[in-house]
Amino acid sequence: MTADWRAMHEQNRKSWNAAAAAHNSHKRDQGGFLAEGGSTLFPDERELLGDIVGKRIAHLQCN
């Protein structure tokens, strides 16, 4: 990898890290929220899933 590519790679990495920090800044203690039974599902998603009491699900999406 040439020096130019390394510099671009490093700048890209820094940019993604900054974007991730900004994106996650509003989430506070999301792990605790979910552990206490919180949900990030939208109402239409919950309706499509039906009764999920006692089940484990994974809400996978881009982002």
Protein backbone atom coordinates (compact mmCIF):
# COMPACT_ATOMS: atom_id res chain seq x y z
CA MET A 1 0.00 0.00 0.00
CA THR A 2 1.49 3.34 -0.95
CA ALA A 3 1.78 6.27 1.43
CA ASP A 4 -1.08 8.06 -0.36
CA TRP A 5 -3.38 5.05 0.07
CA ARG A 6 -2.38 4.68 3.71
CA ALA A 7 -3.18 8.33 4.35
CA MET A 8 -6.56 8.01 2.63
CA HIS A 9 -7.29 4.79 4.54
CA GLU A 10 -6.43 6.48 7.84
CA GLN A 11 -8.59 9.52 7.04
CA ASN A 12 -11.49 7.23 6.07
CA ARG A 13 -11.11 5.33 9.37
CA LYS A 14 -11.11 8.58 11.36
CA SER A 15 -14.18 9.82 9.47
CA TRP A 16 -16.13 6.62 10.19
CA ASN A 17 -15.12 6.72 13.87
CA ALA A 18 -16.34 10.34 14.12
CA ALA A 19 -19.61 9.46 12.38
CA ALA A 20 -20.16 6.46 14.68
CA ALA A 21 -19.54 8.57 17.78
CA ALA A 22 -22.02 11.21 16.59
CA HIS A 23 -24.60 8.56 15.68
CA ASN A 24 -24.31 6.79 19.03
CA SER A 25 -24.23 9.94 21.17
CA HIS A 26 -28.02 10.02 21.62
CA LYS A 27 -28.32 6.39 22.70
CA ARG A 28 -27.09 6.86 26.29
CA ASP A 29 -27.49 3.51 28.11
CA GLN A 30 -29.23 1.59 25.34
CA GLY A 31 -27.84 -1.72 26.64
CA GLY A 32 -29.47 -1.10 30.03
CA PHE A 33 -32.67 0.03 28.36
CA LEU A 34 -32.90 -3.20 26.37
CA ALA A 35 -31.89 -5.38 29.35
CA GLU A 36 -34.79 -3.91 31.31
CA GLY A 37 -37.27 -4.92 28.60
CA GLY A 38 -37.13 -1.82 26.42
CA SER A 39 -37.73 -2.10 22.70
CA THR A 40 -36.52 -0.18 19.67
CA LEU A 41 -39.14 -1.74 17.42
CA PHE A 42 -41.61 0.53 15.66
CA PRO A 43 -45.34 -0.13 16.23
CA ASP A 44 -45.83 -1.55 12.72
CA GLU A 45 -42.92 -3.95 13.28
CA ARG A 46 -44.41 -5.12 16.57
CA GLU A 47 -47.75 -5.67 14.83
CA LEU A 48 -46.12 -7.75 12.09
CA LEU A 49 -44.26 -9.87 14.65
CA GLY A 50 -47.33 -10.65 16.72
CA ASP A 51 -46.96 -11.82 20.31
CA ILE A 52 -43.27 -11.97 21.20
CA VAL A 53 -43.66 -12.31 24.97
CA GLY A 54 -41.17 -14.86 26.26
CA LYS A 55 -39.31 -15.02 22.94
CA ARG A 56 -35.94 -13.64 21.91
CA ILE A 57 -35.65 -11.77 18.67
CA ALA A 58 -32.92 -9.88 16.85
CA HIS A 59 -33.79 -6.62 15.14
CA LEU A 60 -31.23 -6.49 12.36
CA GLN A 61 -30.98 -3.60 9.98
CA CYS A 62 -28.40 -1.48 8.28
CA ASN A 63 -26.93 0.93 10.82
